[in-house]
């Protein structure tokens, strides 16, 4: 009776209407407590923590799935005949399965965090791409600056060779202006 059996029982009872993200079983005193979180088929998150119970955990998982589906369908409506049967059998057992408002709020927060996490991943991907492009452009710019610096040094060397150490020769732009052209 492992957790995989609990997950299978839950998903079978849900009949494709729920996706289970987490199923956990803990013990409180001599009883078991089942915690379930996941998503309805329409994307609405759910969270349920059962009251402490003794008995078959797979049966409780099936009952929990029916309760979650019924609660999502509406307070006065039954999602399926299984949900009404499950509610009756839960009341007959030792303890009730209740949808915790804090758990439901936690599931909504988890959904919000997952959305934020996905958005952060997308932004991180864009940032990495932009930084790689910027690094490539900076390398090109650095090479261009190096080439210009080398050209300046080459021109200075040529000017020194042909000026015989005298004063700098007038630039071609200055001599064009002085000649009236």
N, C-alpha and C. Protein backbone atom coordinates (compact mmCIF):
# COMPACT_ATOMS: atom_id res chain seq x y z
N UNK A 1 0.85 -1.17 0.00
CA UNK A 1 0.00 0.00 0.00
C UNK A 1 0.89 1.24 0.00
N UNK A 2 1.62 1.45 -1.07
CA UNK A 2 2.50 2.60 -1.17
C UNK A 2 1.76 3.83 -1.69
N UNK A 3 2.50 4.92 -1.75
CA UNK A 3 1.91 6.18 -2.22
C UNK A 3 1.51 6.09 -3.68
N UNK A 4 2.19 5.27 -4.46
CA UNK A 4 1.79 5.12 -5.86
C UNK A 4 0.38 4.56 -5.95
N UNK A 5 0.04 3.63 -5.06
CA UNK A 5 -1.32 3.09 -5.01
C UNK A 5 -2.33 4.16 -4.62
N UNK A 6 -1.94 5.03 -3.71
CA UNK A 6 -2.81 6.13 -3.29
C UNK A 6 -3.04 7.07 -4.47
N UNK A 7 -1.98 7.41 -5.17
CA UNK A 7 -2.09 8.30 -6.33
C UNK A 7 -2.99 7.67 -7.41
N UNK A 8 -2.79 6.39 -7.65
CA UNK A 8 -3.58 5.69 -8.67
C UNK A 8 -5.05 5.67 -8.28
N UNK A 9 -5.34 5.37 -7.01
CA UNK A 9 -6.73 5.34 -6.54
C UNK A 9 -7.37 6.73 -6.70
N UNK A 10 -6.64 7.77 -6.32
CA UNK A 10 -7.14 9.14 -6.43
C UNK A 10 -7.45 9.49 -7.88
N UNK A 11 -6.49 9.25 -8.77
CA UNK A 11 -6.65 9.62 -10.18
C UNK A 11 -7.74 8.79 -10.86
N UNK A 12 -7.87 7.54 -10.46
CA UNK A 12 -8.92 6.69 -11.04
C UNK A 12 -10.30 7.23 -10.65
N UNK A 13 -10.46 7.59 -9.38
CA UNK A 13 -11.74 8.14 -8.91
C UNK A 13 -12.03 9.50 -9.55
N UNK A 14 -10.98 10.26 -9.85
CA UNK A 14 -11.16 11.59 -10.45
C UNK A 14 -11.58 11.49 -11.91
N UNK A 15 -11.32 10.38 -12.54
CA UNK A 15 -11.73 10.12 -13.92
C UNK A 15 -11.31 11.23 -14.89
N UNK A 16 -10.06 11.67 -14.77
CA UNK A 16 -9.54 12.67 -15.70
C UNK A 16 -9.90 14.10 -15.38
N UNK A 17 -10.65 14.33 -14.30
CA UNK A 17 -11.05 15.70 -13.96
C UNK A 17 -10.05 16.41 -13.07
N UNK A 18 -9.05 15.68 -12.56
CA UNK A 18 -8.06 16.27 -11.67
C UNK A 18 -6.66 15.82 -12.08
N UNK A 19 -5.69 16.72 -11.85
CA UNK A 19 -4.28 16.38 -12.00
C UNK A 19 -3.64 16.51 -10.62
N UNK A 20 -2.99 15.46 -10.17
CA UNK A 20 -2.42 15.43 -8.83
C UNK A 20 -0.94 15.81 -8.88
N UNK A 21 -0.60 16.88 -8.16
CA UNK A 21 0.80 17.30 -8.08
C UNK A 21 1.49 16.72 -6.85
N UNK A 22 0.77 16.63 -5.74
CA UNK A 22 1.38 16.16 -4.50
C UNK A 22 0.37 15.33 -3.72
N UNK A 23 0.83 14.21 -3.22
CA UNK A 23 0.05 13.40 -2.29
C UNK A 23 0.99 13.04 -1.15
N UNK A 24 0.60 13.38 0.05
CA UNK A 24 1.42 13.09 1.21
C UNK A 24 0.60 12.45 2.31
N UNK A 25 1.22 11.56 3.03
CA UNK A 25 0.55 10.87 4.12
C UNK A 25 1.38 11.06 5.38
N UNK A 26 0.76 11.59 6.41
CA UNK A 26 1.44 11.76 7.69
C UNK A 26 0.59 11.11 8.77
N UNK A 27 1.16 10.99 9.93
CA UNK A 27 0.45 10.40 11.06
C UNK A 27 0.28 11.43 12.15
N UNK A 28 -0.91 11.50 12.68
CA UNK A 28 -1.22 12.38 13.81
C UNK A 28 -1.78 11.47 14.90
N UNK A 29 -1.04 11.35 15.96
CA UNK A 29 -1.35 10.38 17.02
C UNK A 29 -1.37 8.98 16.40
N UNK A 30 -2.49 8.28 16.47
CA UNK A 30 -2.58 6.94 15.90
C UNK A 30 -3.33 6.93 14.57
N UNK A 31 -3.63 8.11 14.04
CA UNK A 31 -4.42 8.21 12.81
C UNK A 31 -3.57 8.76 11.67
N UNK A 32 -4.07 8.54 10.47
CA UNK A 32 -3.39 9.03 9.27
C UNK A 32 -4.05 10.32 8.80
N UNK A 33 -3.27 11.17 8.15
CA UNK A 33 -3.78 12.40 7.53
C UNK A 33 -3.25 12.43 6.11
N UNK A 34 -4.14 12.60 5.16
CA UNK A 34 -3.77 12.63 3.74
C UNK A 34 -3.83 14.07 3.24
N UNK A 35 -2.76 14.54 2.62
CA UNK A 35 -2.71 15.89 2.06
C UNK A 35 -2.55 15.77 0.55
N UNK A 36 -3.40 16.48 -0.20
CA UNK A 36 -3.42 16.39 -1.65
C UNK A 36 -3.46 17.79 -2.25
N UNK A 37 -2.65 18.03 -3.25
CA UNK A 37 -2.72 19.29 -4.00
C UNK A 37 -2.62 18.97 -5.49
N UNK A 38 -3.19 19.85 -6.28
CA UNK A 38 -3.14 19.65 -7.73
C UNK A 38 -4.03 20.64 -8.44
N UNK A 39 -4.54 20.23 -9.59
CA UNK A 39 -5.26 21.13 -10.48
C UNK A 39 -6.48 20.43 -11.05
N UNK A 40 -7.56 21.19 -11.17
CA UNK A 40 -8.74 20.71 -11.89
C UNK A 40 -8.43 20.77 -13.38
N UNK A 41 -9.24 20.09 -14.17
CA UNK A 41 -9.03 20.08 -15.62
C UNK A 41 -9.11 21.48 -16.22
N UNK A 42 -9.87 22.39 -15.58
CA UNK A 42 -9.99 23.75 -16.09
C UNK A 42 -8.86 24.67 -15.61
N UNK A 43 -7.90 24.13 -14.85
CA UNK A 43 -6.75 24.92 -14.41
C UNK A 43 -6.88 25.48 -13.00
N UNK A 44 -8.01 25.27 -12.35
CA UNK A 44 -8.20 25.75 -10.99
C UNK A 44 -7.42 24.87 -10.02
N UNK A 45 -6.65 25.46 -9.12
CA UNK A 45 -5.89 24.64 -8.17
C UNK A 45 -6.80 24.10 -7.06
N UNK A 46 -6.38 23.02 -6.45
CA UNK A 46 -7.07 22.51 -5.28
C UNK A 46 -6.05 22.08 -4.24
N UNK A 47 -6.50 22.08 -3.00
CA UNK A 47 -5.70 21.55 -1.89
C UNK A 47 -6.67 20.97 -0.88
N UNK A 48 -6.37 19.79 -0.39
CA UNK A 48 -7.24 19.15 0.58
C UNK A 48 -6.37 18.44 1.61
N UNK A 49 -6.74 18.61 2.87
CA UNK A 49 -6.10 17.88 3.96
C UNK A 49 -7.24 17.18 4.69
N UNK A 50 -7.17 15.87 4.76
CA UNK A 50 -8.25 15.12 5.41
C UNK A 50 -8.14 15.25 6.92
N UNK A 51 -9.26 15.02 7.56
CA UNK A 51 -9.24 14.89 9.01
C UNK A 51 -8.51 13.58 9.33
N UNK A 52 -7.95 13.46 10.50
CA UNK A 52 -7.28 12.20 10.84
C UNK A 52 -8.25 11.03 10.69
N UNK A 53 -7.77 9.92 10.14
CA UNK A 53 -8.62 8.75 9.93
C UNK A 53 -7.83 7.47 10.17
N UNK A 54 -8.56 6.42 10.41
CA UNK A 54 -7.99 5.08 10.52
C UNK A 54 -8.67 4.26 9.42
N UNK A 55 -7.92 3.47 8.74
CA UNK A 55 -8.54 2.65 7.71
C UNK A 55 -7.73 2.68 6.44
N UNK A 56 -8.40 2.32 5.36
CA UNK A 56 -7.77 2.16 4.05
C UNK A 56 -7.46 3.53 3.44
N UNK A 57 -6.19 3.83 3.22
CA UNK A 57 -5.77 5.13 2.68
C UNK A 57 -6.18 5.26 1.21
N UNK A 58 -6.23 4.16 0.49
CA UNK A 58 -6.66 4.24 -0.91
C UNK A 58 -8.14 4.58 -1.02
N UNK A 59 -8.96 4.01 -0.12
CA UNK A 59 -10.38 4.36 -0.08
C UNK A 59 -10.53 5.84 0.24
N UNK A 60 -9.75 6.34 1.21
CA UNK A 60 -9.83 7.76 1.57
C UNK A 60 -9.39 8.63 0.40
N UNK A 61 -8.39 8.19 -0.37
CA UNK A 61 -7.93 8.95 -1.54
C UNK A 61 -9.04 9.02 -2.59
N UNK A 62 -9.74 7.89 -2.82
CA UNK A 62 -10.86 7.90 -3.78
C UNK A 62 -11.96 8.84 -3.32
N UNK A 63 -12.27 8.78 -2.02
CA UNK A 63 -13.31 9.65 -1.48
C UNK A 63 -12.90 11.12 -1.60
N UNK A 64 -11.64 11.40 -1.36
CA UNK A 64 -11.14 12.77 -1.45
C UNK A 64 -11.28 13.29 -2.88
N UNK A 65 -10.95 12.47 -3.86
CA UNK A 65 -11.08 12.88 -5.26
C UNK A 65 -12.53 13.23 -5.58
N UNK A 66 -13.45 12.40 -5.14
CA UNK A 66 -14.87 12.68 -5.39
C UNK A 66 -15.31 13.96 -4.69
N UNK A 67 -14.83 14.18 -3.48
CA UNK A 67 -15.18 15.40 -2.74
C UNK A 67 -14.63 16.65 -3.43
N UNK A 68 -13.42 16.56 -3.92
CA UNK A 68 -12.82 17.72 -4.60
C UNK A 68 -13.59 18.04 -5.86
N UNK A 69 -13.94 17.02 -6.63
CA UNK A 69 -14.72 17.23 -7.86
C UNK A 69 -16.08 17.82 -7.52
N UNK A 70 -16.74 17.29 -6.49
CA UNK A 70 -18.05 17.79 -6.09
C UNK A 70 -17.97 19.23 -5.60
N UNK A 71 -16.95 19.55 -4.82
CA UNK A 71 -16.80 20.92 -4.31
C UNK A 71 -16.56 21.89 -5.46
N UNK A 72 -15.85 21.45 -6.48
CA UNK A 72 -15.58 22.32 -7.63
C UNK A 72 -16.82 22.51 -8.49
N UNK A 73 -17.67 21.49 -8.54
CA UNK A 73 -18.88 21.58 -9.37
C UNK A 73 -19.89 22.55 -8.77
N UNK A 74 -19.88 22.73 -7.48
CA UNK A 74 -20.80 23.67 -6.84
C UNK A 74 -21.29 23.11 -5.53
N UNK A 75 -21.68 23.98 -4.63
CA UNK A 75 -22.07 23.56 -3.29
C UNK A 75 -23.32 22.70 -3.30
N UNK A 76 -24.33 23.07 -4.09
CA UNK A 76 -25.58 22.32 -4.09
C UNK A 76 -25.63 21.23 -5.14
N UNK A 77 -24.65 21.16 -6.00
CA UNK A 77 -24.67 20.21 -7.10
C UNK A 77 -23.78 19.02 -6.78
N UNK A 78 -24.12 17.88 -7.35
CA UNK A 78 -23.24 16.71 -7.25
C UNK A 78 -22.58 16.53 -8.60
N UNK A 79 -21.27 16.42 -8.61
CA UNK A 79 -20.54 16.28 -9.86
C UNK A 79 -20.82 14.94 -10.51
N UNK A 80 -21.03 13.93 -9.69
CA UNK A 80 -21.32 12.61 -10.20
C UNK A 80 -21.96 11.82 -9.08
N UNK A 81 -22.64 10.73 -9.41
CA UNK A 81 -23.22 9.91 -8.34
C UNK A 81 -22.16 9.43 -7.35
N UNK A 82 -20.93 9.24 -7.81
CA UNK A 82 -19.85 8.80 -6.93
C UNK A 82 -19.62 9.83 -5.83
N UNK A 83 -19.76 11.10 -6.14
CA UNK A 83 -19.50 12.15 -5.16
C UNK A 83 -20.49 12.09 -4.02
N UNK A 84 -21.77 11.86 -4.33
CA UNK A 84 -22.78 11.76 -3.29
C UNK A 84 -22.54 10.53 -2.42
N UNK A 85 -22.18 9.41 -3.04
CA UNK A 85 -21.88 8.20 -2.29
C UNK A 85 -20.66 8.41 -1.40
N UNK A 86 -19.65 9.08 -1.93
CA UNK A 86 -18.43 9.31 -1.17
C UNK A 86 -18.71 10.20 0.03
N UNK A 87 -19.55 11.22 -0.14
CA UNK A 87 -19.86 12.11 0.97
C UNK A 87 -20.56 11.34 2.07
N UNK A 88 -21.48 10.44 1.71
CA UNK A 88 -22.18 9.64 2.70
C UNK A 88 -21.22 8.72 3.42
N UNK A 89 -20.31 8.07 2.67
CA UNK A 89 -19.38 7.13 3.31
C UNK A 89 -18.35 7.86 4.17
N UNK A 90 -18.02 9.08 3.80
CA UNK A 90 -17.07 9.85 4.61
C UNK A 90 -17.70 10.19 5.95
N UNK A 91 -18.97 10.61 5.93
CA UNK A 91 -19.64 10.94 7.18
C UNK A 91 -19.76 9.73 8.07
N UNK A 92 -19.87 8.56 7.46
CA UNK A 92 -19.99 7.34 8.24
C UNK A 92 -18.66 6.93 8.86
N UNK A 93 -17.55 7.41 8.32
CA UNK A 93 -16.25 7.03 8.86
C UNK A 93 -15.89 7.90 10.05
N UNK A 94 -14.77 7.59 10.66
CA UNK A 94 -14.32 8.33 11.84
C UNK A 94 -13.62 9.61 11.39
N UNK A 95 -14.32 10.74 11.28
CA UNK A 95 -13.74 12.01 10.86
C UNK A 95 -14.33 12.47 9.55
N UNK A 96 -14.12 13.72 9.21
CA UNK A 96 -14.63 14.29 7.97
C UNK A 96 -13.49 14.74 7.09
N UNK A 97 -13.74 14.70 5.79
CA UNK A 97 -12.80 15.28 4.84
C UNK A 97 -13.28 16.70 4.61
N UNK A 98 -12.43 17.67 4.85
CA UNK A 98 -12.83 19.06 4.66
C UNK A 98 -11.85 19.74 3.74
N UNK A 99 -12.35 20.68 2.95
CA UNK A 99 -11.49 21.50 2.11
C UNK A 99 -11.02 22.65 2.97
N UNK A 100 -9.78 22.69 3.27
CA UNK A 100 -9.21 23.73 4.11
C UNK A 100 -9.11 25.02 3.31
N UNK A 101 -9.66 26.11 3.85
CA UNK A 101 -9.53 27.39 3.16
C UNK A 101 -8.07 27.80 3.08
N UNK A 102 -7.31 27.51 4.13
CA UNK A 102 -5.89 27.84 4.08
C UNK A 102 -5.21 27.00 3.01
N UNK A 103 -5.58 25.73 2.92
CA UNK A 103 -5.01 24.86 1.89
C UNK A 103 -5.37 25.31 0.50
N UNK A 104 -6.63 25.74 0.33
CA UNK A 104 -7.07 26.24 -0.97
C UNK A 104 -6.31 27.52 -1.33
N UNK A 105 -6.13 28.39 -0.33
CA UNK A 105 -5.35 29.60 -0.56
C UNK A 105 -3.92 29.27 -0.90
N UNK A 106 -3.39 28.26 -0.23
CA UNK A 106 -2.02 27.82 -0.51
C UNK A 106 -1.91 27.30 -1.94
N UNK A 107 -2.92 26.56 -2.38
CA UNK A 107 -2.91 26.06 -3.76
C UNK A 107 -2.95 27.22 -4.75
N UNK A 108 -3.76 28.25 -4.47
CA UNK A 108 -3.79 29.42 -5.35
C UNK A 108 -2.43 30.11 -5.38
N UNK A 109 -1.81 30.23 -4.21
CA UNK A 109 -0.48 30.83 -4.15
C UNK A 109 0.53 30.00 -4.91
N UNK A 110 0.42 28.67 -4.78
CA UNK A 110 1.33 27.79 -5.53
C UNK A 110 1.16 28.03 -7.03
N UNK A 111 -0.10 28.17 -7.46
CA UNK A 111 -0.34 28.44 -8.87
C UNK A 111 0.26 29.77 -9.29
N UNK A 112 0.09 30.78 -8.44
CA UNK A 112 0.68 32.08 -8.73
C UNK A 112 2.20 32.01 -8.77
N UNK A 113 2.78 31.26 -7.84
CA UNK A 113 4.23 31.11 -7.82
C UNK A 113 4.73 30.37 -9.06
N UNK A 114 3.98 29.36 -9.48
CA UNK A 114 4.38 28.63 -10.69
C UNK A 114 4.34 29.56 -11.90
N UNK A 115 3.31 30.41 -11.97
CA UNK A 115 3.23 31.36 -13.08
C UNK A 115 4.38 32.36 -13.03
N UNK A 116 4.67 32.86 -11.82
CA UNK A 116 5.79 33.80 -11.66
C UNK A 116 7.11 33.12 -12.01
N UNK A 117 7.26 31.87 -11.59
CA UNK A 117 8.48 31.13 -11.87
C UNK A 117 8.65 30.94 -13.38
N UNK A 118 7.56 30.61 -14.06
CA UNK A 118 7.64 30.45 -15.52
C UNK A 118 7.98 31.78 -16.18
N UNK A 119 7.38 32.87 -15.68
CA UNK A 119 7.70 34.20 -16.21
C UNK A 119 9.15 34.57 -15.95
N UNK A 120 9.64 34.25 -14.76
CA UNK A 120 11.04 34.53 -14.43
C UNK A 120 11.98 33.72 -15.31
N UNK A 121 11.62 32.46 -15.56
CA UNK A 121 12.44 31.64 -16.46
C UNK A 121 12.49 32.24 -17.86
N UNK A 122 11.34 32.71 -18.34
CA UNK A 122 11.31 33.32 -19.67
C UNK A 122 12.16 34.59 -19.71
N UNK A 123 12.05 35.42 -18.66
CA UNK A 123 12.87 36.63 -18.60
C UNK A 123 14.35 36.30 -18.49
N UNK A 124 14.67 35.29 -17.70
CA UNK A 124 16.08 34.89 -17.56
C UNK A 124 16.63 34.42 -18.91
N UNK A 125 15.82 33.70 -19.66
CA UNK A 125 16.24 33.26 -21.00
C UNK A 125 16.48 34.44 -21.92
N UNK A 126 15.55 35.41 -21.89
CA UNK A 126 15.73 36.60 -22.72
C UNK A 126 16.97 37.37 -22.30
N UNK A 127 17.19 37.49 -20.97
CA UNK A 127 18.35 38.22 -20.47
C UNK A 127 19.65 37.53 -20.89
N UNK A 128 19.69 36.21 -20.79
CA UNK A 128 20.89 35.48 -21.21
C UNK A 128 21.17 35.70 -22.70
N UNK A 129 20.13 35.67 -23.52
CA UNK A 129 20.29 35.90 -24.95
C UNK A 129 20.79 37.31 -25.22
N UNK A 130 20.18 38.29 -24.53
CA UNK A 130 20.60 39.68 -24.71
C UNK A 130 22.04 39.90 -24.24
N UNK A 131 22.40 39.29 -23.11
CA UNK A 131 23.76 39.44 -22.61
C UNK A 131 24.78 38.79 -23.55
N UNK A 132 24.43 37.65 -24.12
CA UNK A 132 25.33 37.00 -25.08
C UNK A 132 25.51 37.88 -26.31
N UNK A 133 24.40 38.46 -26.79
CA UNK A 133 24.49 39.36 -27.95
C UNK A 133 25.31 40.59 -27.60
N UNK A 134 25.11 41.12 -26.39
CA UNK A 134 25.86 42.30 -25.97
C UNK A 134 27.35 41.98 -25.85
N UNK A 135 27.67 40.82 -25.31
CA UNK A 135 29.08 40.42 -25.18
C UNK A 135 29.72 40.29 -26.57
N UNK A 136 28.98 39.74 -27.53
CA UNK A 136 29.50 39.61 -28.89
C UNK A 136 29.73 40.99 -29.51
N UNK A 137 28.77 41.89 -29.31
CA UNK A 137 28.92 43.25 -29.84
C UNK A 137 30.06 43.99 -29.16
N UNK A 138 30.21 43.78 -27.85
CA UNK A 138 31.30 44.43 -27.13
C UNK A 138 32.65 43.91 -27.64
N UNK A 139 32.72 42.63 -27.95
CA UNK A 139 33.97 42.07 -28.49
C UNK A 139 34.28 42.69 -29.84
N UNK A 140 33.25 42.85 -30.67
CA UNK A 140 33.45 43.49 -31.98
C UNK A 140 33.88 44.93 -31.80
N UNK A 141 33.19 45.65 -30.90
CA UNK A 141 33.53 47.05 -30.65
C UNK A 141 34.95 47.17 -30.10
N UNK A 142 35.32 46.28 -29.22
CA UNK A 142 36.68 46.29 -28.68
C UNK A 142 37.71 46.06 -29.79
N UNK A 143 37.40 45.17 -30.70
CA UNK A 143 38.31 44.91 -31.82
C UNK A 143 38.41 46.15 -32.72
N UNK A 144 37.29 46.82 -32.95
CA UNK A 144 37.30 48.04 -33.78
C UNK A 144 38.14 49.12 -33.11
N UNK A 145 37.95 49.32 -31.80
CA UNK A 145 38.72 50.33 -31.07
C UNK A 145 40.20 49.98 -31.14
N UNK A 146 40.52 48.71 -30.98
CA UNK A 146 41.92 48.28 -31.09
C UNK A 146 42.48 48.57 -32.47
N UNK A 147 41.68 48.33 -33.51
CA UNK A 147 42.12 48.61 -34.89
C UNK A 147 42.35 50.10 -35.10
N UNK A 148 41.44 50.94 -34.57
CA UNK A 148 41.60 52.40 -34.71
C UNK A 148 42.85 52.85 -33.96
N UNK A 149 43.06 52.34 -32.75
CA UNK A 149 44.26 52.70 -31.98
C UNK A 149 45.53 52.29 -32.74
N UNK A 150 45.49 51.12 -33.35
CA UNK A 150 46.64 50.68 -34.13
C UNK A 150 46.85 51.56 -35.35
N UNK A 151 45.74 51.99 -35.99
CA UNK A 151 45.85 52.89 -37.14
C UNK A 151 46.45 54.23 -36.74
N UNK A 152 46.05 54.76 -35.59
CA UNK A 152 46.61 56.01 -35.09
C UNK A 152 48.12 55.85 -34.87
N UNK A 153 48.48 54.73 -34.24
CA UNK A 153 49.91 54.49 -34.00
C UNK A 153 50.66 54.37 -35.32
N UNK A 154 50.08 53.70 -36.31
CA UNK A 154 50.72 53.55 -37.63
C UNK A 154 50.88 54.91 -38.31
N UNK A 155 49.83 55.73 -38.24
CA UNK A 155 49.90 57.05 -38.86
C UNK A 155 50.96 57.92 -38.16
N UNK A 156 51.02 57.85 -36.85
CA UNK A 156 52.04 58.61 -36.13
C UNK A 156 53.44 58.17 -36.54
N UNK A 157 53.61 56.87 -36.71
CA UNK A 157 54.92 56.36 -37.13
C UNK A 157 55.27 56.85 -38.53
N UNK A 158 54.30 56.83 -39.44
CA UNK A 158 54.55 57.31 -40.81
C UNK A 158 54.87 58.80 -40.80
N UNK A 159 54.11 59.56 -40.03
CA UNK A 159 54.36 61.01 -39.94
C UNK A 159 55.76 61.29 -39.39
N UNK A 160 56.19 60.54 -38.41
CA UNK A 160 57.52 60.74 -37.86
C UNK A 160 58.60 60.43 -38.91
N UNK A 161 58.37 59.40 -39.72
CA UNK A 161 59.34 59.04 -40.75
C UNK A 161 59.50 60.14 -41.80
N UNK A 162 58.40 60.73 -42.22
CA UNK A 162 58.46 61.68 -43.32
C UNK A 162 58.60 63.13 -42.89
N UNK A 163 58.49 63.41 -41.62
CA UNK A 163 58.65 64.79 -41.17
C UNK A 163 60.07 65.06 -40.72
N UNK A 164 60.90 64.06 -40.71
CA UNK A 164 62.28 64.16 -40.26
C UNK A 164 62.37 64.82 -38.90
N UNK A 165 61.38 64.55 -38.06
CA UNK A 165 61.41 65.08 -36.71
C UNK A 165 60.97 66.51 -36.63
N UNK A 166 60.56 67.13 -37.75
CA UNK A 166 60.13 68.53 -37.74
C UNK A 166 58.71 68.65 -37.21
N UNK A 167 58.18 69.89 -37.35
CA UNK A 167 56.81 70.11 -36.87
C UNK A 167 55.84 69.28 -37.71
N UNK A 168 54.70 68.96 -37.14
CA UNK A 168 53.72 68.15 -37.89
C UNK A 168 53.32 68.87 -39.16
N UNK A 169 53.13 68.09 -40.20
CA UNK A 169 52.70 68.64 -41.48
C UNK A 169 51.23 69.02 -41.40
N UNK A 170 50.82 70.05 -42.18
CA UNK A 170 49.40 70.40 -42.13
C UNK A 170 48.57 69.24 -42.68
N UNK A 171 47.36 69.11 -42.14
CA UNK A 171 46.49 68.02 -42.60
C UNK A 171 45.96 68.36 -43.97
N UNK A 172 45.47 67.37 -44.68
CA UNK A 172 44.98 67.60 -46.04
C UNK A 172 43.76 68.51 -46.03
N UNK A 173 42.93 68.45 -44.97
CA UNK A 173 41.76 69.32 -44.88
C UNK A 173 42.19 70.76 -44.70
N UNK A 174 43.23 71.02 -43.90
CA UNK A 174 43.70 72.39 -43.66
C UNK A 174 44.34 72.95 -44.92
N UNK A 175 45.10 72.14 -45.67
CA UNK A 175 45.73 72.68 -46.86
C UNK A 175 44.72 72.93 -47.96
N UNK A 176 43.60 72.20 -48.03
CA UNK A 176 42.54 72.44 -49.01
C UNK A 176 41.86 73.76 -48.72
N UNK A 177 41.62 74.05 -47.45
CA UNK A 177 40.96 75.29 -47.07
C UNK A 177 41.84 76.49 -47.34
N UNK A 178 43.14 76.37 -47.12
CA UNK A 178 44.03 77.50 -47.32
C UNK A 178 44.29 77.75 -48.79
N UNK A 179 44.13 76.74 -49.64
CA UNK A 179 44.38 76.94 -51.06
C UNK A 179 43.15 77.49 -51.77
N UNK A 180 42.02 77.61 -51.03
CA UNK A 180 40.83 78.23 -51.60
C UNK A 180 39.96 77.26 -52.35
N UNK A 181 40.17 76.00 -52.29
CA UNK A 181 39.34 75.03 -52.99
C UNK A 181 38.16 74.61 -52.23
